[in-house]
Amino acid sequence: MLDTALLHADFWLGDRSVEAGLRLRVAKFGATPEDRLRLRIAVGETAEKAQPAPGAMLTANRKARMLAAIDRT
């Protein structure tokens, strides 16, 4: 982010040659709603409605089996 901040400062000081690189870097941080959609980032009320992460819906039985396989004490 520091590099992006420095490019941002250069842009606002008049160096328009950094515009394309700055736009790409800022998009990686999810600056616009379109960027967040592409990155699958949910914010606010949308986050509450978002689907759980893969593997988050493991059944209790499956979790117990997985932990038993790891526990070697």
PDB file of N, CA and C in Angstrom:
ATOM      1  N   MET A   1       0.824  -1.190   0.000  1.00  0.00           N
ATOM      2  CA  MET A   1       0.000   0.000   0.000  1.00  0.00           C
ATOM      3  C   MET A   1       0.864   1.249   0.000  1.00  0.00           C
ATOM      4  N   LEU A   2       2.028   1.152   0.595  1.00  0.00           N
ATOM      5  CA  LEU A   2       2.905   2.321   0.624  1.00  0.00           C
ATOM      6  C   LEU A   2       3.297   2.733  -0.792  1.00  0.00           C
ATOM      7  N   ASP A   3       3.629   1.755  -1.629  1.00  0.00           N
ATOM      8  CA  ASP A   3       3.974   2.061  -3.018  1.00  0.00           C
ATOM      9  C   ASP A   3       2.809   2.731  -3.723  1.00  0.00           C
ATOM     10  N   THR A   4       1.607   2.250  -3.461  1.00  0.00           N
ATOM     11  CA  THR A   4       0.415   2.833  -4.081  1.00  0.00           C
ATOM     12  C   THR A   4       0.205   4.258  -3.586  1.00  0.00           C
ATOM     13  N   ALA A   5       0.435   4.486  -2.309  1.00  0.00           N
ATOM     14  CA  ALA A   5       0.295   5.837  -1.760  1.00  0.00           C
ATOM     15  C   ALA A   5       1.305   6.792  -2.402  1.00  0.00           C
ATOM     16  N   LEU A   6       2.513   6.313  -2.634  1.00  0.00           N
ATOM     17  CA  LEU A   6       3.518   7.157  -3.271  1.00  0.00           C
ATOM     18  C   LEU A   6       3.140   7.477  -4.715  1.00  0.00           C
ATOM     19  N   LEU A   7       2.613   6.473  -5.438  1.00  0.00           N
ATOM     20  CA  LEU A   7       2.144   6.725  -6.799  1.00  0.00           C
ATOM     21  C   LEU A   7       0.983   7.718  -6.798  1.00  0.00           C
ATOM     22  N   HIS A   8       0.111   7.590  -5.824  1.00  0.00           N
ATOM     23  CA  HIS A   8      -1.031   8.499  -5.692  1.00  0.00           C
ATOM     24  C   HIS A   8      -0.545   9.931  -5.481  1.00  0.00           C
ATOM     25  N   ALA A   9       0.438  10.088  -4.618  1.00  0.00           N
ATOM     26  CA  ALA A   9       0.993  11.426  -4.374  1.00  0.00           C
ATOM     27  C   ALA A   9       1.629  11.983  -5.649  1.00  0.00           C
ATOM     28  N   ASP A  10       2.379  11.158  -6.362  1.00  0.00           N
ATOM     29  CA  ASP A  10       2.992  11.606  -7.621  1.00  0.00           C
ATOM     30  C   ASP A  10       1.921  12.045  -8.618  1.00  0.00           C
ATOM     31  N   PHE A  11       0.840  11.275  -8.699  1.00  0.00           N
ATOM     32  CA  PHE A  11      -0.252  11.608  -9.616  1.00  0.00           C
ATOM     33  C   PHE A  11      -0.837  12.975  -9.287  1.00  0.00           C
ATOM     34  N   TRP A  12      -1.110  13.222  -7.997  1.00  0.00           N
ATOM     35  CA  TRP A  12      -1.724  14.494  -7.611  1.00  0.00           C
ATOM     36  C   TRP A  12      -0.748  15.657  -7.677  1.00  0.00           C
ATOM     37  N   LEU A  13       0.542  15.355  -7.731  1.00  0.00           N
ATOM     38  CA  LEU A  13       1.539  16.416  -7.904  1.00  0.00           C
ATOM     39  C   LEU A  13       1.784  16.709  -9.387  1.00  0.00           C
ATOM     40  N   GLY A  14       1.077  15.998 -10.277  1.00  0.00           N
ATOM     41  CA  GLY A  14       1.139  16.327 -11.690  1.00  0.00           C
ATOM     42  C   GLY A  14       1.729  15.274 -12.599  1.00  0.00           C
ATOM     43  N   ASP A  15       2.261  14.182 -12.061  1.00  0.00           N
ATOM     44  CA  ASP A  15       2.854  13.136 -12.896  1.00  0.00           C
ATOM     45  C   ASP A  15       1.756  12.201 -13.395  1.00  0.00           C
ATOM     46  N   ARG A  16       1.197  12.509 -14.553  1.00  0.00           N
ATOM     47  CA  ARG A  16       0.085  11.728 -15.089  1.00  0.00           C
ATOM     48  C   ARG A  16       0.544  10.408 -15.710  1.00  0.00           C
ATOM     49  N   SER A  17       1.842  10.178 -15.821  1.00  0.00           N
ATOM     50  CA  SER A  17       2.335   8.930 -16.412  1.00  0.00           C
ATOM     51  C   SER A  17       2.098   7.719 -15.514  1.00  0.00           C
ATOM     52  N   VAL A  18       1.776   7.950 -14.237  1.00  0.00           N
ATOM     53  CA  VAL A  18       1.554   6.839 -13.298  1.00  0.00           C
ATOM     54  C   VAL A  18       0.086   6.430 -13.223  1.00  0.00           C
ATOM     55  N   GLU A  19      -0.759   7.089 -14.005  1.00  0.00           N
ATOM     56  CA  GLU A  19      -2.209   6.868 -13.899  1.00  0.00           C
ATOM     57  C   GLU A  19      -2.623   5.413 -14.113  1.00  0.00           C
ATOM     58  N   ALA A  20      -2.131   4.777 -15.160  1.00  0.00           N
ATOM     59  CA  ALA A  20      -2.550   3.400 -15.460  1.00  0.00           C
ATOM     60  C   ALA A  20      -2.122   2.441 -14.350  1.00  0.00           C
ATOM     61  N   GLY A  21      -0.888   2.552 -13.907  1.00  0.00           N
ATOM     62  CA  GLY A  21      -0.403   1.687 -12.833  1.00  0.00           C
ATOM     63  C   GLY A  21      -1.141   1.932 -11.531  1.00  0.00           C
ATOM     64  N   LEU A  22      -1.430   3.188 -11.255  1.00  0.00           N
ATOM     65  CA  LEU A  22      -2.168   3.538 -10.038  1.00  0.00           C
ATOM     66  C   LEU A  22      -3.572   2.947 -10.080  1.00  0.00           C
ATOM     67  N   ARG A  23      -4.233   3.042 -11.225  1.00  0.00           N
ATOM     68  CA  ARG A  23      -5.583   2.505 -11.359  1.00  0.00           C
ATOM     69  C   ARG A  23      -5.595   0.994 -11.104  1.00  0.00           C
ATOM     70  N   LEU A  24      -4.619   0.281 -11.640  1.00  0.00           N
ATOM     71  CA  LEU A  24      -4.545  -1.165 -11.426  1.00  0.00           C
ATOM     72  C   LEU A  24      -4.294  -1.504  -9.963  1.00  0.00           C
ATOM     73  N   ARG A  25      -3.387  -0.778  -9.325  1.00  0.00           N
ATOM     74  CA  ARG A  25      -3.074  -1.054  -7.921  1.00  0.00           C
ATOM     75  C   ARG A  25      -4.264  -0.774  -7.007  1.00  0.00           C
ATOM     76  N   VAL A  26      -4.948   0.335  -7.253  1.00  0.00           N
ATOM     77  CA  VAL A  26      -6.094   0.701  -6.417  1.00  0.00           C
ATOM     78  C   VAL A  26      -7.217  -0.321  -6.584  1.00  0.00           C
ATOM     79  N   ALA A  27      -7.390  -0.831  -7.793  1.00  0.00           N
ATOM     80  CA  ALA A  27      -8.422  -1.842  -8.038  1.00  0.00           C
ATOM     81  C   ALA A  27      -8.158  -3.102  -7.232  1.00  0.00           C
ATOM     82  N   LYS A  28      -6.885  -3.442  -7.015  1.00  0.00           N
ATOM     83  CA  LYS A  28      -6.537  -4.636  -6.242  1.00  0.00           C
ATOM     84  C   LYS A  28      -6.965  -4.508  -4.779  1.00  0.00           C
ATOM     85  N   PHE A  29      -7.161  -3.265  -4.313  1.00  0.00           N
ATOM     86  CA  PHE A  29      -7.585  -3.039  -2.934  1.00  0.00           C
ATOM     87  C   PHE A  29      -9.104  -2.943  -2.798  1.00  0.00           C
ATOM     88  N   GLY A  30      -9.832  -3.073  -3.914  1.00  0.00           N
ATOM     89  CA  GLY A  30     -11.291  -3.021  -3.850  1.00  0.00           C
ATOM     90  C   GLY A  30     -11.824  -1.623  -3.657  1.00  0.00           C
ATOM     91  N   ALA A  31     -11.304  -0.673  -4.399  1.00  0.00           N
ATOM     92  CA  ALA A  31     -11.670   0.728  -4.219  1.00  0.00           C
ATOM     93  C   ALA A  31     -13.098   1.041  -4.655  1.00  0.00           C
ATOM     94  N   THR A  32     -13.588   0.399  -5.691  1.00  0.00           N
ATOM     95  CA  THR A  32     -14.929   0.699  -6.191  1.00  0.00           C
ATOM     96  C   THR A  32     -15.838  -0.513  -5.974  1.00  0.00           C
ATOM     97  N   PRO A  33     -17.147  -0.297  -6.046  1.00  0.00           N
ATOM     98  CA  PRO A  33     -18.063  -1.447  -5.918  1.00  0.00           C
ATOM     99  C   PRO A  33     -17.780  -2.532  -6.964  1.00  0.00           C
ATOM    100  N   GLU A  34     -17.415  -2.125  -8.176  1.00  0.00           N
ATOM    101  CA  GLU A  34     -17.092  -3.103  -9.213  1.00  0.00           C
ATOM    102  C   GLU A  34     -15.860  -3.927  -8.840  1.00  0.00           C
ATOM    103  N   ASP A  35     -14.859  -3.257  -8.259  1.00  0.00           N
ATOM    104  CA  ASP A  35     -13.647  -3.961  -7.822  1.00  0.00           C
ATOM    105  C   ASP A  35     -13.981  -4.970  -6.732  1.00  0.00           C
ATOM    106  N   ARG A  36     -14.814  -4.557  -5.775  1.00  0.00           N
ATOM    107  CA  ARG A  36     -15.181  -5.462  -4.682  1.00  0.00           C
ATOM    108  C   ARG A  36     -15.982  -6.646  -5.193  1.00  0.00           C
ATOM    109  N   LEU A  37     -16.840  -6.420  -6.184  1.00  0.00           N
ATOM    110  CA  LEU A  37     -17.602  -7.504  -6.773  1.00  0.00           C
ATOM    111  C   LEU A  37     -16.667  -8.499  -7.459  1.00  0.00           C
ATOM    112  N   ARG A  38     -15.706  -7.982  -8.208  1.00  0.00           N
ATOM    113  CA  ARG A  38     -14.750  -8.840  -8.902  1.00  0.00           C
ATOM    114  C   ARG A  38     -13.888  -9.625  -7.919  1.00  0.00           C
ATOM    115  N   LEU A  39     -13.516  -8.982  -6.811  1.00  0.00           N
ATOM    116  CA  LEU A  39     -12.688  -9.635  -5.793  1.00  0.00           C
ATOM    117  C   LEU A  39     -13.507 -10.484  -4.820  1.00  0.00           C
ATOM    118  N   ARG A  40     -14.836 -10.454  -4.976  1.00  0.00           N
ATOM    119  CA  ARG A  40     -15.758 -11.179  -4.094  1.00  0.00           C
ATOM    120  C   ARG A  40     -15.625 -10.735  -2.639  1.00  0.00           C
ATOM    121  N   ILE A  41     -15.526  -9.415  -2.459  1.00  0.00           N
ATOM    122  CA  ILE A  41     -15.457  -8.820  -1.132  1.00  0.00           C
ATOM    123  C   ILE A  41     -16.849  -8.301  -0.792  1.00  0.00           C
ATOM    124  N   ALA A  42     -17.373  -8.703   0.345  1.00  0.00           N
ATOM    125  CA  ALA A  42     -18.685  -8.239   0.784  1.00  0.00           C
ATOM    126  C   ALA A  42     -18.500  -7.238   1.916  1.00  0.00           C
ATOM    127  N   VAL A  43     -19.216  -6.114   1.840  1.00  0.00           N
ATOM    128  CA  VAL A  43     -19.099  -5.055   2.831  1.00  0.00           C
ATOM    129  C   VAL A  43     -20.485  -4.687   3.339  1.00  0.00           C
ATOM    130  N   GLY A  44     -20.616  -4.419   4.634  1.00  0.00           N
ATOM    131  CA  GLY A  44     -21.869  -3.951   5.207  1.00  0.00           C
ATOM    132  C   GLY A  44     -22.963  -4.991   5.176  1.00  0.00           C
ATOM    133  N   GLU A  45     -24.158  -4.580   4.755  1.00  0.00           N
ATOM    134  CA  GLU A  45     -25.303  -5.495   4.707  1.00  0.00           C
ATOM    135  C   GLU A  45     -25.055  -6.643   3.745  1.00  0.00           C
ATOM    136  N   THR A  46     -24.309  -6.380   2.688  1.00  0.00           N
ATOM    137  CA  THR A  46     -23.997  -7.433   1.722  1.00  0.00           C
ATOM    138  C   THR A  46     -23.200  -8.534   2.394  1.00  0.00           C
ATOM    139  N   ALA A  47     -22.318  -8.180   3.323  1.00  0.00           N
ATOM    140  CA  ALA A  47     -21.496  -9.179   4.010  1.00  0.00           C
ATOM    141  C   ALA A  47     -22.368 -10.112   4.841  1.00  0.00           C
ATOM    142  N   GLU A  48     -23.440  -9.589   5.420  1.00  0.00           N
ATOM    143  CA  GLU A  48     -24.323 -10.419   6.229  1.00  0.00           C
ATOM    144  C   GLU A  48     -25.046 -11.459   5.383  1.00  0.00           C
ATOM    145  N   LYS A  49     -25.305 -11.135   4.122  1.00  0.00           N
ATOM    146  CA  LYS A  49     -26.016 -12.035   3.230  1.00  0.00           C
ATOM    147  C   LYS A  49     -25.076 -12.950   2.459  1.00  0.00           C
ATOM    148  N   ALA A  50     -23.779 -12.730   2.590  1.00  0.00           N
ATOM    149  CA  ALA A  50     -22.800 -13.491   1.807  1.00  0.00           C
ATOM    150  C   ALA A  50     -22.815 -14.966   2.200  1.00  0.00           C
ATOM    151  N   GLN A  51     -22.441 -15.791   1.256  1.00  0.00           N
ATOM    152  CA  GLN A  51     -22.362 -17.224   1.494  1.00  0.00           C
ATOM    153  C   GLN A  51     -21.171 -17.531   2.397  1.00  0.00           C
ATOM    154  N   PRO A  52     -21.275 -18.555   3.226  1.00  0.00           N
ATOM    155  CA  PRO A  52     -20.138 -18.922   4.067  1.00  0.00           C
ATOM    156  C   PRO A  52     -18.982 -19.427   3.217  1.00  0.00           C
ATOM    157  N   ALA A  53     -17.797 -19.322   3.769  1.00  0.00           N
ATOM    158  CA  ALA A  53     -16.605 -19.782   3.066  1.00  0.00           C
ATOM    159  C   ALA A  53     -16.679 -21.284   2.843  1.00  0.00           C
ATOM    160  N   PRO A  54     -16.040 -21.786   1.784  1.00  0.00           N
ATOM    161  CA  PRO A  54     -16.040 -23.231   1.563  1.00  0.00           C
ATOM    162  C   PRO A  54     -15.470 -23.960   2.778  1.00  0.00           C
ATOM    163  N   GLY A  55     -16.127 -25.003   3.190  1.00  0.00           N
ATOM    164  CA  GLY A  55     -15.679 -25.765   4.346  1.00  0.00           C
ATOM    165  C   GLY A  55     -16.262 -25.291   5.664  1.00  0.00           C
ATOM    166  N   ALA A  56     -16.930 -24.139   5.660  1.00  0.00           N
ATOM    167  CA  ALA A  56     -17.484 -23.606   6.897  1.00  0.00           C
ATOM    168  C   ALA A  56     -18.720 -24.383   7.339  1.00  0.00           C
ATOM    169  N   MET A  57     -19.321 -25.111   6.434  1.00  0.00           N
ATOM    170  CA  MET A  57     -20.551 -25.821   6.740  1.00  0.00           C
ATOM    171  C   MET A  57     -20.302 -27.298   7.060  1.00  0.00           C
ATOM    172  N   LEU A  58     -19.154 -27.630   7.589  1.00  0.00           N
ATOM    173  CA  LEU A  58     -18.861 -29.011   7.935  1.00  0.00           C
ATOM    174  C   LEU A  58     -19.800 -29.478   9.035  1.00  0.00           C
ATOM    175  N   THR A  59     -20.245 -30.695   8.932  1.00  0.00           N
ATOM    176  CA  THR A  59     -21.097 -31.233   9.981  1.00  0.00           C
ATOM    177  C   THR A  59     -20.254 -31.510  11.220  1.00  0.00           C
ATOM    178  N   ALA A  60     -20.907 -31.584  12.364  1.00  0.00           N
ATOM    179  CA  ALA A  60     -20.200 -31.835  13.619  1.00  0.00           C
ATOM    180  C   ALA A  60     -19.479 -33.175  13.569  1.00  0.00           C
ATOM    181  N   ASN A  61     -20.112 -34.171  12.946  1.00  0.00           N
ATOM    182  CA  ASN A  61     -19.506 -35.492  12.845  1.00  0.00           C
ATOM    183  C   ASN A  61     -18.227 -35.447  12.013  1.00  0.00           C
ATOM    184  N   ARG A  62     -18.282 -34.736  10.903  1.00  0.00           N
ATOM    185  CA  ARG A  62     -17.097 -34.638  10.039  1.00  0.00           C
ATOM    186  C   ARG A  62     -15.979 -33.875  10.745  1.00  0.00           C
ATOM    187  N   LYS A  63     -16.330 -32.804  11.457  1.00  0.00           N
ATOM    188  CA  LYS A  63     -15.314 -32.058  12.212  1.00  0.00           C
ATOM    189  C   LYS A  63     -14.652 -32.964  13.244  1.00  0.00           C
ATOM    190  N   ALA A  64     -15.453 -33.768  13.942  1.00  0.00           N
ATOM    191  CA  ALA A  64     -14.911 -34.660  14.969  1.00  0.00           C
ATOM    192  C   ALA A  64     -13.947 -35.678  14.354  1.00  0.00           C
ATOM    193  N   ARG A  65     -14.314 -36.209  13.193  1.00  0.00           N
ATOM    194  CA  ARG A  65     -13.429 -37.180  12.511  1.00  0.00           C
ATOM    195  C   ARG A  65     -12.131 -36.526  12.082  1.00  0.00           C
ATOM    196  N   MET A  66     -12.220 -35.293  11.576  1.00  0.00           N
ATOM    197  CA  MET A  66     -11.031 -34.589  11.131  1.00  0.00           C
ATOM    198  C   MET A  66     -10.102 -34.300  12.319  1.00  0.00           C
ATOM    199  N   LEU A  67     -10.692 -33.873  13.442  1.00  0.00           N
ATOM    200  CA  LEU A  67      -9.885 -33.593  14.623  1.00  0.00           C
ATOM    201  C   LEU A  67      -9.289 -34.861  15.206  1.00  0.00           C
ATOM    202  N   ALA A  68     -10.040 -35.958  15.147  1.00  0.00           N
ATOM    203  CA  ALA A  68      -9.526 -37.231  15.658  1.00  0.00           C
ATOM    204  C   ALA A  68      -8.333 -37.687  14.831  1.00  0.00           C
ATOM    205  N   ALA A  69      -8.359 -37.433  13.536  1.00  0.00           N
ATOM    206  CA  ALA A  69      -7.258 -37.817  12.668  1.00  0.00           C
ATOM    207  C   ALA A  69      -6.011 -37.009  12.979  1.00  0.00           C
ATOM    208  N   ILE A  70      -6.182 -35.785  13.443  1.00  0.00           N
ATOM    209  CA  ILE A  70      -5.047 -34.915  13.767  1.00  0.00           C
ATOM    210  C   ILE A  70      -4.501 -35.195  15.156  1.00  0.00           C
ATOM    211  N   ASP A  71      -5.394 -35.458  16.103  1.00  0.00           N
ATOM    212  CA  ASP A  71      -5.022 -35.651  17.501  1.00  0.00           C
ATOM    213  C   ASP A  71      -4.277 -36.990  17.656  1.00  0.00           C
ATOM    214  N   ARG A  72      -3.011 -36.930  17.995  1.00  0.00           N
ATOM    215  CA  ARG A  72      -2.206 -38.130  18.149  1.00  0.00           C
ATOM    216  C   ARG A  72      -1.704 -38.304  19.581  1.00  0.00           C
ATOM    217  N   THR A  73      -2.362 -37.680  20.526  1.00  0.00           N
ATOM    218  CA  THR A  73      -1.909 -37.800  21.924  1.00  0.00           C
ATOM    219  C   THR A  73      -2.520 -38.968  22.619  1.00  0.00           C
TER     220      THR A  73
END
